[in-house]
PDB file of all heavy atoms in Angstrom:
ATOM      1  N   SER A   1      13.259   9.134  -8.310  1.00  0.00           N
ATOM      2  CA  SER A   1      13.651   8.302  -6.996  1.00  0.00           C
ATOM      3  C   SER A   1      13.210   6.865  -7.150  1.00  0.00           C
ATOM      4  O   SER A   1      13.964   6.038  -6.790  1.00  0.00           O
ATOM      5  CB  SER A   1      12.895   8.978  -5.804  1.00  0.00           C
ATOM      6  OG  SER A   1      13.124  10.389  -5.781  1.00  0.00           O
ATOM      7  N   VAL A   2      12.046   6.710  -7.646  1.00  0.00           N
ATOM      8  CA  VAL A   2      11.476   5.331  -7.935  1.00  0.00           C
ATOM      9  C   VAL A   2      10.797   5.328  -9.272  1.00  0.00           C
ATOM     10  O   VAL A   2       9.947   6.160  -9.574  1.00  0.00           O
ATOM     11  CB  VAL A   2      10.543   4.869  -6.929  1.00  0.00           C
ATOM     12  CG1 VAL A   2       9.993   3.461  -7.206  1.00  0.00           C
ATOM     13  CG2 VAL A   2      11.124   4.864  -5.462  1.00  0.00           C
ATOM     14  N   GLY A   3      11.276   4.406 -10.169  1.00  0.00           N
ATOM     15  CA  GLY A   3      10.644   4.312 -11.490  1.00  0.00           C
ATOM     16  C   GLY A   3       9.738   3.061 -11.571  1.00  0.00           C
ATOM     17  O   GLY A   3      10.215   1.916 -11.234  1.00  0.00           O
ATOM     18  N   ILE A   4       8.506   3.294 -11.920  1.00  0.00           N
ATOM     19  CA  ILE A   4       7.564   2.188 -11.982  1.00  0.00           C
ATOM     20  C   ILE A   4       7.051   2.023 -13.482  1.00  0.00           C
ATOM     21  O   ILE A   4       6.524   2.985 -13.960  1.00  0.00           O
ATOM     22  CB  ILE A   4       6.355   2.387 -11.150  1.00  0.00           C
ATOM     23  CG1 ILE A   4       6.784   2.581  -9.598  1.00  0.00           C
ATOM     24  CG2 ILE A   4       5.327   1.252 -11.246  1.00  0.00           C
ATOM     25  CD1 ILE A   4       5.622   2.860  -8.666  1.00  0.00           C
ATOM     26  N   ALA A   5       7.358   0.919 -14.032  1.00  0.00           N
ATOM     27  CA  ALA A   5       6.983   0.567 -15.460  1.00  0.00           C
ATOM     28  C   ALA A   5       5.830  -0.429 -15.495  1.00  0.00           C
ATOM     29  O   ALA A   5       5.623  -1.218 -14.577  1.00  0.00           O
ATOM     30  CB  ALA A   5       8.250  -0.002 -16.152  1.00  0.00           C
ATOM     31  N   MET A   6       5.001  -0.243 -16.559  1.00  0.00           N
ATOM     32  CA  MET A   6       3.873  -1.149 -16.758  1.00  0.00           C
ATOM     33  C   MET A   6       4.405  -2.383 -17.592  1.00  0.00           C
ATOM     34  O   MET A   6       5.182  -2.200 -18.507  1.00  0.00           O
ATOM     35  CB  MET A   6       2.742  -0.452 -17.538  1.00  0.00           C
ATOM     36  CG  MET A   6       2.378   0.873 -16.914  1.00  0.00           C
ATOM     37  SD  MET A   6       1.631   0.688 -15.307  1.00  0.00           S
ATOM     38  CE  MET A   6       0.100   0.021 -15.673  1.00  0.00           C
ATOM     39  N   ASN A   7       3.874  -3.570 -17.206  1.00  0.00           N
ATOM     40  CA  ASN A   7       4.338  -4.803 -17.982  1.00  0.00           C
ATOM     41  C   ASN A   7       3.861  -4.756 -19.440  1.00  0.00           C
ATOM     42  O   ASN A   7       4.542  -5.383 -20.189  1.00  0.00           O
ATOM     43  CB  ASN A   7       3.720  -6.019 -17.190  1.00  0.00           C
ATOM     44  CG  ASN A   7       4.303  -7.281 -17.630  1.00  0.00           C
ATOM     45  OD1 ASN A   7       5.577  -7.355 -17.937  1.00  0.00           O
ATOM     46  ND2 ASN A   7       3.505  -8.261 -17.949  1.00  0.00           N
ATOM     47  N   SER A   8       2.896  -4.023 -19.688  1.00  0.00           N
ATOM     48  CA  SER A   8       2.406  -3.890 -21.097  1.00  0.00           C
ATOM     49  C   SER A   8       3.175  -2.912 -21.959  1.00  0.00           C
ATOM     50  O   SER A   8       3.002  -2.796 -23.123  1.00  0.00           O
ATOM     51  CB  SER A   8       0.918  -3.522 -21.183  1.00  0.00           C
ATOM     52  OG  SER A   8       0.779  -2.279 -20.532  1.00  0.00           O
ATOM     53  N   GLY A   9       4.104  -2.225 -21.261  1.00  0.00           N
ATOM     54  CA  GLY A   9       4.918  -1.268 -21.930  1.00  0.00           C
ATOM     55  C   GLY A   9       6.089  -1.819 -22.764  1.00  0.00           C
ATOM     56  O   GLY A   9       6.224  -3.074 -22.966  1.00  0.00           O
ATOM     57  N   SER A  10       7.014  -0.948 -23.257  1.00  0.00           N
ATOM     58  CA  SER A  10       8.081  -1.353 -24.024  1.00  0.00           C
ATOM     59  C   SER A  10       9.195  -2.079 -23.159  1.00  0.00           C
ATOM     60  O   SER A  10       9.164  -1.857 -21.908  1.00  0.00           O
ATOM     61  CB  SER A  10       8.697  -0.143 -24.698  1.00  0.00           C
ATOM     62  OG  SER A  10       9.332   0.717 -23.695  1.00  0.00           O
ATOM     63  N   ASP A  11       9.998  -2.836 -23.759  1.00  0.00           N
ATOM     64  CA  ASP A  11      11.028  -3.659 -23.103  1.00  0.00           C
ATOM     65  C   ASP A  11      12.039  -2.645 -22.423  1.00  0.00           C
ATOM     66  O   ASP A  11      12.552  -2.885 -21.307  1.00  0.00           O
ATOM     67  CB  ASP A  11      11.748  -4.608 -23.942  1.00  0.00           C
ATOM     68  CG  ASP A  11      10.830  -5.785 -24.287  1.00  0.00           C
ATOM     69  OD1 ASP A  11       9.881  -6.085 -23.556  1.00  0.00           O
ATOM     70  OD2 ASP A  11      11.076  -6.388 -25.312  1.00  0.00           O
ATOM     71  N   ILE A  12      12.279  -1.526 -23.173  1.00  0.00           N
ATOM     72  CA  ILE A  12      13.247  -0.575 -22.693  1.00  0.00           C
ATOM     73  C   ILE A  12      12.704   0.124 -21.432  1.00  0.00           C
ATOM     74  O   ILE A  12      13.455   0.328 -20.430  1.00  0.00           O
ATOM     75  CB  ILE A  12      13.468   0.546 -23.731  1.00  0.00           C
ATOM     76  CG1 ILE A  12      14.179  -0.178 -24.953  1.00  0.00           C
ATOM     77  CG2 ILE A  12      14.340   1.638 -23.239  1.00  0.00           C
ATOM     78  CD1 ILE A  12      14.421   0.766 -26.122  1.00  0.00           C
ATOM     79  N   ALA A  13      11.461   0.516 -21.424  1.00  0.00           N
ATOM     80  CA  ALA A  13      10.827   0.995 -20.171  1.00  0.00           C
ATOM     81  C   ALA A  13      10.914   0.119 -19.018  1.00  0.00           C
ATOM     82  O   ALA A  13      11.252   0.474 -17.885  1.00  0.00           O
ATOM     83  CB  ALA A  13       9.403   1.440 -20.488  1.00  0.00           C
ATOM     84  N   LYS A  14      10.585  -1.159 -19.224  1.00  0.00           N
ATOM     85  CA  LYS A  14      10.668  -2.237 -18.130  1.00  0.00           C
ATOM     86  C   LYS A  14      11.999  -2.366 -17.664  1.00  0.00           C
ATOM     87  O   LYS A  14      12.268  -2.593 -16.405  1.00  0.00           O
ATOM     88  CB  LYS A  14      10.018  -3.537 -18.644  1.00  0.00           C
ATOM     89  CG  LYS A  14       8.501  -3.481 -18.904  1.00  0.00           C
ATOM     90  CD  LYS A  14       7.918  -4.808 -19.177  1.00  0.00           C
ATOM     91  CE  LYS A  14       8.115  -5.258 -20.542  1.00  0.00           C
ATOM     92  NZ  LYS A  14       7.448  -6.424 -20.937  1.00  0.00           N
ATOM     93  N   GLY A  15      13.011  -2.318 -18.477  1.00  0.00           N
ATOM     94  CA  GLY A  15      14.364  -2.452 -18.054  1.00  0.00           C
ATOM     95  C   GLY A  15      14.849  -1.197 -17.285  1.00  0.00           C
ATOM     96  O   GLY A  15      15.711  -1.372 -16.387  1.00  0.00           O
ATOM     97  N   ALA A  16      14.289  -0.056 -17.620  1.00  0.00           N
ATOM     98  CA  ALA A  16      14.734   1.170 -16.942  1.00  0.00           C
ATOM     99  C   ALA A  16      14.022   1.341 -15.601  1.00  0.00           C
ATOM    100  O   ALA A  16      14.549   2.066 -14.668  1.00  0.00           O
ATOM    101  CB  ALA A  16      14.379   2.385 -17.763  1.00  0.00           C
ATOM    102  N   GLY A  17      12.828   0.698 -15.345  1.00  0.00           N
ATOM    103  CA  GLY A  17      12.159   0.879 -14.184  1.00  0.00           C
ATOM    104  C   GLY A  17      12.711   0.040 -12.951  1.00  0.00           C
ATOM    105  O   GLY A  17      13.320  -0.923 -13.149  1.00  0.00           O
ATOM    106  N   ASP A  18      12.484   0.599 -11.830  1.00  0.00           N
ATOM    107  CA  ASP A  18      12.933  -0.117 -10.607  1.00  0.00           C
ATOM    108  C   ASP A  18      11.979  -1.272 -10.281  1.00  0.00           C
ATOM    109  O   ASP A  18      12.311  -2.296  -9.671  1.00  0.00           O
ATOM    110  CB  ASP A  18      13.067   0.845  -9.416  1.00  0.00           C
ATOM    111  CG  ASP A  18      14.071   1.998  -9.701  1.00  0.00           C
ATOM    112  OD1 ASP A  18      15.179   1.588  -9.924  1.00  0.00           O
ATOM    113  OD2 ASP A  18      13.704   3.138  -9.707  1.00  0.00           O
ATOM    114  N   ILE A  19      10.608  -0.940 -10.599  1.00  0.00           N
ATOM    115  CA  ILE A  19       9.550  -1.817 -10.287  1.00  0.00           C
ATOM    116  C   ILE A  19       8.777  -1.988 -11.611  1.00  0.00           C
ATOM    117  O   ILE A  19       8.500  -0.989 -12.300  1.00  0.00           O
ATOM    118  CB  ILE A  19       8.711  -1.338  -9.123  1.00  0.00           C
ATOM    119  CG1 ILE A  19       9.507  -1.203  -7.908  1.00  0.00           C
ATOM    120  CG2 ILE A  19       7.509  -2.158  -8.855  1.00  0.00           C
ATOM    121  CD1 ILE A  19       8.911  -0.332  -6.760  1.00  0.00           C
ATOM    122  N   VAL A  20       8.170  -3.257 -11.836  1.00  0.00           N
ATOM    123  CA  VAL A  20       7.335  -3.491 -12.928  1.00  0.00           C
ATOM    124  C   VAL A  20       5.935  -3.970 -12.392  1.00  0.00           C
ATOM    125  O   VAL A  20       6.002  -4.986 -11.645  1.00  0.00           O
ATOM    126  CB  VAL A  20       7.953  -4.520 -13.953  1.00  0.00           C
ATOM    127  CG1 VAL A  20       6.913  -4.802 -15.101  1.00  0.00           C
ATOM    128  CG2 VAL A  20       9.248  -3.972 -14.526  1.00  0.00           C
ATOM    129  N   LEU A  21       4.902  -3.369 -12.815  1.00  0.00           N
ATOM    130  CA  LEU A  21       3.586  -3.800 -12.356  1.00  0.00           C
ATOM    131  C   LEU A  21       3.118  -4.932 -13.374  1.00  0.00           C
ATOM    132  O   LEU A  21       2.710  -4.644 -14.453  1.00  0.00           O
ATOM    133  CB  LEU A  21       2.584  -2.578 -12.402  1.00  0.00           C
ATOM    134  CG  LEU A  21       2.835  -1.444 -11.460  1.00  0.00           C
ATOM    135  CD1 LEU A  21       1.800  -0.388 -11.566  1.00  0.00           C
ATOM    136  CD2 LEU A  21       2.925  -1.943 -10.073  1.00  0.00           C
ATOM    137  N   VAL A  22       3.226  -6.071 -12.962  1.00  0.00           N
ATOM    138  CA  VAL A  22       3.048  -7.247 -13.752  1.00  0.00           C
ATOM    139  C   VAL A  22       1.623  -7.336 -14.319  1.00  0.00           C
ATOM    140  O   VAL A  22       1.382  -7.685 -15.437  1.00  0.00           O
ATOM    141  CB  VAL A  22       3.391  -8.546 -13.085  1.00  0.00           C
ATOM    142  CG1 VAL A  22       3.140  -9.758 -13.917  1.00  0.00           C
ATOM    143  CG2 VAL A  22       4.857  -8.542 -12.681  1.00  0.00           C
ATOM    144  N   LYS A  23       0.742  -6.971 -13.423  1.00  0.00           N
ATOM    145  CA  LYS A  23      -0.798  -7.079 -13.751  1.00  0.00           C
ATOM    146  C   LYS A  23      -1.285  -5.819 -14.481  1.00  0.00           C
ATOM    147  O   LYS A  23      -2.450  -5.687 -14.767  1.00  0.00           O
ATOM    148  CB  LYS A  23      -1.613  -7.425 -12.515  1.00  0.00           C
ATOM    149  CG  LYS A  23      -1.332  -8.779 -11.970  1.00  0.00           C
ATOM    150  CD  LYS A  23      -2.188  -9.067 -10.772  1.00  0.00           C
ATOM    151  CE  LYS A  23      -1.914 -10.376 -10.205  1.00  0.00           C
ATOM    152  NZ  LYS A  23      -2.763 -10.727  -9.025  1.00  0.00           N
ATOM    153  N   ASN A  24      -0.401  -4.810 -14.619  1.00  0.00           N
ATOM    154  CA  ASN A  24      -0.756  -3.535 -15.205  1.00  0.00           C
ATOM    155  C   ASN A  24      -1.979  -2.804 -14.523  1.00  0.00           C
ATOM    156  O   ASN A  24      -2.713  -2.105 -15.072  1.00  0.00           O
ATOM    157  CB  ASN A  24      -1.211  -3.701 -16.732  1.00  0.00           C
ATOM    158  CG  ASN A  24      -0.003  -4.219 -17.589  1.00  0.00           C
ATOM    159  OD1 ASN A  24       1.018  -3.658 -17.519  1.00  0.00           O
ATOM    160  ND2 ASN A  24      -0.243  -5.374 -18.280  1.00  0.00           N
ATOM    161  N   ASP A  25      -2.005  -3.009 -13.195  1.00  0.00           N
ATOM    162  CA  ASP A  25      -3.097  -2.508 -12.474  1.00  0.00           C
ATOM    163  C   ASP A  25      -2.463  -1.219 -11.614  1.00  0.00           C
ATOM    164  O   ASP A  25      -1.538  -1.395 -10.896  1.00  0.00           O
ATOM    165  CB  ASP A  25      -3.518  -3.545 -11.306  1.00  0.00           C
ATOM    166  CG  ASP A  25      -4.814  -3.028 -10.647  1.00  0.00           C
ATOM    167  OD1 ASP A  25      -5.042  -1.890 -10.504  1.00  0.00           O
ATOM    168  OD2 ASP A  25      -5.562  -3.861 -10.157  1.00  0.00           O
ATOM    169  N   LEU A  26      -3.006  -0.089 -11.926  1.00  0.00           N
ATOM    170  CA  LEU A  26      -2.586   1.175 -11.255  1.00  0.00           C
ATOM    171  C   LEU A  26      -2.609   1.180  -9.769  1.00  0.00           C
ATOM    172  O   LEU A  26      -1.990   1.932  -9.100  1.00  0.00           O
ATOM    173  CB  LEU A  26      -3.278   2.346 -11.916  1.00  0.00           C
ATOM    174  CG  LEU A  26      -2.932   2.683 -13.331  1.00  0.00           C
ATOM    175  CD1 LEU A  26      -3.772   3.825 -13.810  1.00  0.00           C
ATOM    176  CD2 LEU A  26      -1.449   3.092 -13.552  1.00  0.00           C
ATOM    177  N   ARG A  27      -3.590   0.359  -9.199  1.00  0.00           N
ATOM    178  CA  ARG A  27      -3.649   0.207  -7.852  1.00  0.00           C
ATOM    179  C   ARG A  27      -2.379  -0.273  -7.196  1.00  0.00           C
ATOM    180  O   ARG A  27      -2.130  -0.083  -5.997  1.00  0.00           O
ATOM    181  CB  ARG A  27      -4.786  -0.604  -7.414  1.00  0.00           C
ATOM    182  CG  ARG A  27      -6.174  -0.092  -7.729  1.00  0.00           C
ATOM    183  CD  ARG A  27      -7.281  -1.032  -7.486  1.00  0.00           C
ATOM    184  NE  ARG A  27      -7.311  -2.139  -8.326  1.00  0.00           N
ATOM    185  CZ  ARG A  27      -8.142  -3.223  -8.256  1.00  0.00           C
ATOM    186  NH1 ARG A  27      -9.110  -3.178  -7.311  1.00  0.00           N
ATOM    187  NH2 ARG A  27      -8.044  -4.191  -9.151  1.00  0.00           N
ATOM    188  N   GLY A  28      -1.508  -0.905  -7.939  1.00  0.00           N
ATOM    189  CA  GLY A  28      -0.228  -1.315  -7.542  1.00  0.00           C
ATOM    190  C   GLY A  28       0.634  -0.250  -7.052  1.00  0.00           C
ATOM    191  O   GLY A  28       1.559  -0.302  -6.181  1.00  0.00           O
ATOM    192  N   VAL A  29       0.433   1.030  -7.689  1.00  0.00           N
ATOM    193  CA  VAL A  29       1.226   2.200  -7.273  1.00  0.00           C
ATOM    194  C   VAL A  29       0.838   2.678  -5.833  1.00  0.00           C
ATOM    195  O   VAL A  29       1.736   2.813  -5.055  1.00  0.00           O
ATOM    196  CB  VAL A  29       0.978   3.414  -8.213  1.00  0.00           C
ATOM    197  CG1 VAL A  29       1.782   4.622  -7.920  1.00  0.00           C
ATOM    198  CG2 VAL A  29       1.293   2.963  -9.695  1.00  0.00           C
ATOM    199  N   SER A  30      -0.427   2.881  -5.546  1.00  0.00           N
ATOM    200  CA  SER A  30      -0.737   3.218  -4.231  1.00  0.00           C
ATOM    201  C   SER A  30      -0.458   2.110  -3.303  1.00  0.00           C
ATOM    202  O   SER A  30      -0.102   2.335  -2.050  1.00  0.00           O
ATOM    203  CB  SER A  30      -2.253   3.506  -4.184  1.00  0.00           C
ATOM    204  OG  SER A  30      -3.053   2.500  -4.651  1.00  0.00           O
ATOM    205  N   GLY A  31      -0.576   0.824  -3.737  1.00  0.00           N
ATOM    206  CA  GLY A  31      -0.197  -0.256  -2.839  1.00  0.00           C
ATOM    207  C   GLY A  31       1.254  -0.255  -2.444  1.00  0.00           C
ATOM    208  O   GLY A  31       1.675  -0.579  -1.311  1.00  0.00           O
ATOM    209  N   LEU A  32       2.120   0.014  -3.402  1.00  0.00           N
ATOM    210  CA  LEU A  32       3.534   0.140  -3.128  1.00  0.00           C
ATOM    211  C   LEU A  32       3.829   1.203  -2.166  1.00  0.00           C
ATOM    212  O   LEU A  32       4.735   1.086  -1.272  1.00  0.00           O
ATOM    213  CB  LEU A  32       4.319   0.449  -4.474  1.00  0.00           C
ATOM    214  CG  LEU A  32       4.436  -0.764  -5.405  1.00  0.00           C
ATOM    215  CD1 LEU A  32       4.980  -0.346  -6.792  1.00  0.00           C
ATOM    216  CD2 LEU A  32       5.420  -1.802  -4.853  1.00  0.00           C
TER     217      LEU A  32
END
């Protein structure tokens, strides 16, 4: 339903995600 990719991950994963956590902080998930 919602794909969240980490900024430190692969370019393919970031392209596939709906949201990218730029700071790679997992707290962004609960914040979203």
